[in-house]
Amino acid sequence: MKIFTITVILHPSIPSDIKIIKGEINSETILLDGLISMLSKNEKVASFLIGESDIRPGYLLLSNKIELKTTRKLYSPVISDMEIKIIPISHGG
């Protein structure tokens, strides 16, 4: 089992005291589960982004120019270190 580093960068319009969240996820973990676990550690972020064990609608999750939800990559095991940007769909630009 390998451990991968996930870096989450929050768009400035997402209310939070921090804009970068880092965590480690093992290779047997589904990316969505690991991401929810990481985001849940910050109550303010979790209240905006997480609903019913999923990322709320209205947010893009981008990594390496790929949107993770629509390509179903969010529902696959983690296979490498990742940088994920979370951007509201109506971010204004």
N, C-alpha and C. Protein backbone atom coordinates (compact mmCIF):
# COMPACT_ATOMS: atom_id res chain seq x y z
N MET A 1 0.84 -1.18 0.00
CA MET A 1 0.00 0.00 0.00
C MET A 1 0.89 1.24 0.00
N LYS A 2 0.61 2.16 -0.93
CA LYS A 2 1.35 3.41 -1.03
C LYS A 2 0.55 4.55 -0.41
N ILE A 3 1.25 5.59 0.00
CA ILE A 3 0.62 6.78 0.55
C ILE A 3 0.86 7.93 -0.44
N PHE A 4 -0.21 8.66 -0.76
CA PHE A 4 -0.11 9.77 -1.68
C PHE A 4 -0.51 11.07 -0.99
N THR A 5 0.11 12.16 -1.40
CA THR A 5 -0.20 13.48 -0.85
C THR A 5 -1.22 14.17 -1.74
N ILE A 6 -2.28 14.65 -1.12
CA ILE A 6 -3.32 15.39 -1.83
C ILE A 6 -3.29 16.83 -1.32
N THR A 7 -3.19 17.77 -2.23
CA THR A 7 -3.22 19.19 -1.90
C THR A 7 -4.50 19.77 -2.49
N VAL A 8 -5.33 20.36 -1.64
CA VAL A 8 -6.59 20.95 -2.08
C VAL A 8 -6.44 22.47 -1.99
N ILE A 9 -6.71 23.14 -3.10
CA ILE A 9 -6.66 24.59 -3.16
C ILE A 9 -8.09 25.10 -3.30
N LEU A 10 -8.52 25.89 -2.32
CA LEU A 10 -9.88 26.42 -2.31
C LEU A 10 -9.92 27.77 -3.02
N HIS A 11 -10.92 27.97 -3.84
CA HIS A 11 -11.13 29.24 -4.51
C HIS A 11 -11.36 30.33 -3.45
N PRO A 12 -10.89 31.55 -3.70
CA PRO A 12 -11.05 32.62 -2.71
C PRO A 12 -12.50 32.90 -2.29
N SER A 13 -13.47 32.57 -3.12
CA SER A 13 -14.87 32.82 -2.76
C SER A 13 -15.44 31.79 -1.79
N ILE A 14 -14.71 30.73 -1.51
CA ILE A 14 -15.17 29.72 -0.54
C ILE A 14 -14.75 30.18 0.85
N PRO A 15 -15.73 30.43 1.74
CA PRO A 15 -15.40 30.94 3.07
C PRO A 15 -14.54 29.95 3.86
N SER A 16 -13.36 30.40 4.25
CA SER A 16 -12.45 29.55 5.02
C SER A 16 -11.32 30.41 5.56
N ASP A 17 -10.77 29.99 6.68
CA ASP A 17 -9.61 30.66 7.26
C ASP A 17 -8.34 30.24 6.54
N ILE A 18 -8.40 29.11 5.86
CA ILE A 18 -7.25 28.61 5.11
C ILE A 18 -7.67 28.38 3.66
N LYS A 19 -6.72 28.45 2.75
CA LYS A 19 -7.03 28.25 1.33
C LYS A 19 -6.35 27.02 0.76
N ILE A 20 -5.43 26.42 1.52
CA ILE A 20 -4.76 25.20 1.07
C ILE A 20 -4.87 24.15 2.18
N ILE A 21 -5.33 22.97 1.80
CA ILE A 21 -5.46 21.85 2.73
C ILE A 21 -4.62 20.71 2.18
N LYS A 22 -3.74 20.17 3.00
CA LYS A 22 -2.90 19.04 2.58
C LYS A 22 -3.22 17.83 3.45
N GLY A 23 -3.16 16.67 2.81
CA GLY A 23 -3.39 15.44 3.54
C GLY A 23 -2.78 14.27 2.81
N GLU A 24 -2.74 13.15 3.50
CA GLU A 24 -2.22 11.92 2.91
C GLU A 24 -3.33 10.90 2.82
N ILE A 25 -3.36 10.19 1.69
CA ILE A 25 -4.38 9.18 1.43
C ILE A 25 -3.68 7.94 0.91
N ASN A 26 -4.10 6.78 1.41
CA ASN A 26 -3.46 5.55 0.91
C ASN A 26 -4.07 5.12 -0.41
N SER A 27 -3.34 4.32 -1.12
CA SER A 27 -3.70 3.92 -2.48
C SER A 27 -4.97 3.09 -2.58
N GLU A 28 -5.45 2.57 -1.48
CA GLU A 28 -6.67 1.77 -1.51
C GLU A 28 -7.92 2.60 -1.27
N THR A 29 -7.75 3.90 -1.06
CA THR A 29 -8.86 4.79 -0.74
C THR A 29 -9.44 5.39 -2.01
N ILE A 30 -10.77 5.44 -2.09
CA ILE A 30 -11.46 6.13 -3.17
C ILE A 30 -11.22 7.63 -2.97
N LEU A 31 -10.90 8.34 -4.04
CA LEU A 31 -10.55 9.75 -3.93
C LEU A 31 -11.63 10.56 -3.22
N LEU A 32 -12.89 10.34 -3.54
CA LEU A 32 -13.98 11.08 -2.90
C LEU A 32 -13.95 10.89 -1.39
N ASP A 33 -13.78 9.65 -0.93
CA ASP A 33 -13.76 9.37 0.50
C ASP A 33 -12.59 10.08 1.19
N GLY A 34 -11.43 10.04 0.56
CA GLY A 34 -10.26 10.71 1.12
C GLY A 34 -10.44 12.22 1.15
N LEU A 35 -11.02 12.76 0.10
CA LEU A 35 -11.24 14.19 0.01
C LEU A 35 -12.24 14.65 1.07
N ILE A 36 -13.31 13.92 1.24
CA ILE A 36 -14.30 14.27 2.26
C ILE A 36 -13.67 14.20 3.65
N SER A 37 -12.86 13.20 3.89
CA SER A 37 -12.17 13.08 5.17
C SER A 37 -11.27 14.29 5.42
N MET A 38 -10.54 14.71 4.41
CA MET A 38 -9.65 15.87 4.55
C MET A 38 -10.45 17.15 4.81
N LEU A 39 -11.49 17.38 4.01
CA LEU A 39 -12.27 18.60 4.12
C LEU A 39 -13.07 18.66 5.43
N SER A 40 -13.46 17.51 5.95
CA SER A 40 -14.25 17.45 7.18
C SER A 40 -13.49 17.93 8.41
N LYS A 41 -12.18 17.96 8.32
CA LYS A 41 -11.37 18.40 9.46
C LYS A 41 -11.49 19.90 9.70
N ASN A 42 -12.00 20.64 8.70
CA ASN A 42 -12.22 22.07 8.85
C ASN A 42 -13.73 22.30 8.78
N GLU A 43 -14.34 22.60 9.93
CA GLU A 43 -15.79 22.69 10.04
C GLU A 43 -16.39 23.72 9.08
N LYS A 44 -15.74 24.85 8.93
CA LYS A 44 -16.26 25.91 8.06
C LYS A 44 -16.27 25.45 6.60
N VAL A 45 -15.19 24.83 6.17
CA VAL A 45 -15.10 24.32 4.80
C VAL A 45 -16.14 23.21 4.60
N ALA A 46 -16.21 22.30 5.54
CA ALA A 46 -17.14 21.17 5.43
C ALA A 46 -18.58 21.64 5.31
N SER A 47 -18.96 22.68 6.05
CA SER A 47 -20.35 23.15 6.01
C SER A 47 -20.72 23.70 4.63
N PHE A 48 -19.76 24.21 3.88
CA PHE A 48 -20.04 24.74 2.54
C PHE A 48 -19.91 23.68 1.45
N LEU A 49 -18.98 22.76 1.60
CA LEU A 49 -18.66 21.86 0.49
C LEU A 49 -19.23 20.45 0.60
N ILE A 50 -19.54 20.00 1.82
CA ILE A 50 -19.94 18.60 1.98
C ILE A 50 -21.42 18.51 2.37
N GLY A 51 -22.11 17.62 1.70
CA GLY A 51 -23.50 17.34 2.02
C GLY A 51 -23.81 15.89 1.75
N GLU A 52 -24.28 15.18 2.74
CA GLU A 52 -24.68 13.78 2.60
C GLU A 52 -23.59 12.91 1.97
N SER A 53 -22.40 12.95 2.53
CA SER A 53 -21.26 12.12 2.10
C SER A 53 -20.85 12.34 0.65
N ASP A 54 -21.02 13.56 0.16
CA ASP A 54 -20.62 13.89 -1.20
C ASP A 54 -20.28 15.38 -1.24
N ILE A 55 -19.59 15.79 -2.29
CA ILE A 55 -19.33 17.21 -2.51
C ILE A 55 -20.63 17.82 -3.04
N ARG A 56 -21.04 18.92 -2.46
CA ARG A 56 -22.28 19.56 -2.88
C ARG A 56 -22.23 19.92 -4.37
N PRO A 57 -23.39 19.95 -5.01
CA PRO A 57 -23.44 20.41 -6.41
C PRO A 57 -23.00 21.88 -6.47
N GLY A 58 -22.53 22.30 -7.62
CA GLY A 58 -22.16 23.69 -7.81
C GLY A 58 -20.68 23.97 -7.69
N TYR A 59 -19.87 22.91 -7.58
CA TYR A 59 -18.42 23.08 -7.47
C TYR A 59 -17.71 22.21 -8.50
N LEU A 60 -16.69 22.79 -9.12
CA LEU A 60 -15.82 22.04 -10.01
C LEU A 60 -14.62 21.56 -9.20
N LEU A 61 -14.19 20.34 -9.43
CA LEU A 61 -12.99 19.79 -8.81
C LEU A 61 -12.02 19.49 -9.94
N LEU A 62 -10.99 20.31 -10.05
CA LEU A 62 -10.06 20.22 -11.17
C LEU A 62 -8.70 19.72 -10.71
N SER A 63 -8.13 18.81 -11.49
CA SER A 63 -6.78 18.32 -11.26
C SER A 63 -6.15 18.04 -12.62
N ASN A 64 -5.00 18.63 -12.86
CA ASN A 64 -4.32 18.47 -14.16
C ASN A 64 -5.24 18.76 -15.34
N LYS A 65 -6.02 19.83 -15.23
CA LYS A 65 -6.94 20.28 -16.27
C LYS A 65 -8.08 19.31 -16.55
N ILE A 66 -8.35 18.42 -15.60
CA ILE A 66 -9.44 17.44 -15.74
C ILE A 66 -10.44 17.67 -14.62
N GLU A 67 -11.74 17.72 -14.97
CA GLU A 67 -12.79 17.86 -13.97
C GLU A 67 -13.07 16.46 -13.41
N LEU A 68 -12.90 16.29 -12.12
CA LEU A 68 -12.91 14.96 -11.51
C LEU A 68 -14.29 14.32 -11.37
N LYS A 69 -15.34 15.12 -11.17
CA LYS A 69 -16.66 14.52 -11.00
C LYS A 69 -17.22 14.00 -12.32
N THR A 70 -17.22 14.83 -13.35
CA THR A 70 -17.83 14.43 -14.62
C THR A 70 -17.06 13.34 -15.33
N THR A 71 -15.77 13.23 -15.05
CA THR A 71 -14.97 12.16 -15.67
C THR A 71 -14.94 10.90 -14.80
N ARG A 72 -15.64 10.95 -13.66
CA ARG A 72 -15.74 9.82 -12.72
C ARG A 72 -14.42 9.48 -12.02
N LYS A 73 -13.40 10.29 -12.19
CA LYS A 73 -12.12 10.04 -11.53
C LYS A 73 -12.21 10.23 -10.02
N LEU A 74 -13.20 10.99 -9.58
CA LEU A 74 -13.41 11.21 -8.16
C LEU A 74 -13.84 9.92 -7.45
N TYR A 75 -14.34 8.98 -8.22
CA TYR A 75 -14.87 7.73 -7.66
C TYR A 75 -13.92 6.55 -7.87
N SER A 76 -12.66 6.85 -8.16
CA SER A 76 -11.63 5.83 -8.37
C SER A 76 -10.61 5.88 -7.24
N PRO A 77 -9.86 4.81 -7.04
CA PRO A 77 -8.79 4.83 -6.03
C PRO A 77 -7.71 5.85 -6.40
N VAL A 78 -7.07 6.38 -5.38
CA VAL A 78 -5.98 7.33 -5.58
C VAL A 78 -4.79 6.58 -6.15
N ILE A 79 -4.17 7.14 -7.21
CA ILE A 79 -3.04 6.45 -7.85
C ILE A 79 -1.76 7.30 -7.89
N SER A 80 -1.86 8.56 -7.43
CA SER A 80 -0.68 9.43 -7.43
C SER A 80 -0.91 10.64 -6.53
N ASP A 81 0.17 11.39 -6.27
CA ASP A 81 0.02 12.66 -5.59
C ASP A 81 -0.85 13.55 -6.48
N MET A 82 -1.67 14.40 -5.85
CA MET A 82 -2.58 15.24 -6.64
C MET A 82 -2.68 16.63 -6.05
N GLU A 83 -2.93 17.58 -6.93
CA GLU A 83 -3.33 18.93 -6.55
C GLU A 83 -4.73 19.12 -7.11
N ILE A 84 -5.67 19.43 -6.24
CA ILE A 84 -7.07 19.57 -6.64
C ILE A 84 -7.52 21.00 -6.34
N LYS A 85 -8.07 21.66 -7.34
CA LYS A 85 -8.63 23.00 -7.14
C LYS A 85 -10.14 22.87 -7.07
N ILE A 86 -10.73 23.49 -6.04
CA ILE A 86 -12.18 23.48 -5.90
C ILE A 86 -12.67 24.89 -6.21
N ILE A 87 -13.50 24.97 -7.24
CA ILE A 87 -13.97 26.26 -7.74
C ILE A 87 -15.48 26.24 -7.85
N PRO A 88 -16.16 27.25 -7.29
CA PRO A 88 -17.61 27.33 -7.48
C PRO A 88 -17.92 27.52 -8.97
N ILE A 89 -18.99 26.91 -9.43
CA ILE A 89 -19.35 27.03 -10.83
C ILE A 89 -19.64 28.49 -11.17
N SER A 90 -20.23 29.21 -10.26
CA SER A 90 -20.54 30.64 -10.50
C SER A 90 -19.50 31.52 -9.82
N HIS A 91 -18.23 31.32 -10.16
CA HIS A 91 -17.16 32.05 -9.50
C HIS A 91 -16.93 33.44 -10.07
N GLY A 92 -17.58 33.78 -11.17
CA GLY A 92 -17.49 35.12 -11.71
C GLY A 92 -16.32 35.36 -12.64
N GLY A 93 -15.76 34.35 -13.18
CA GLY A 93 -14.70 34.63 -14.13
C GLY A 93 -13.90 33.44 -14.39
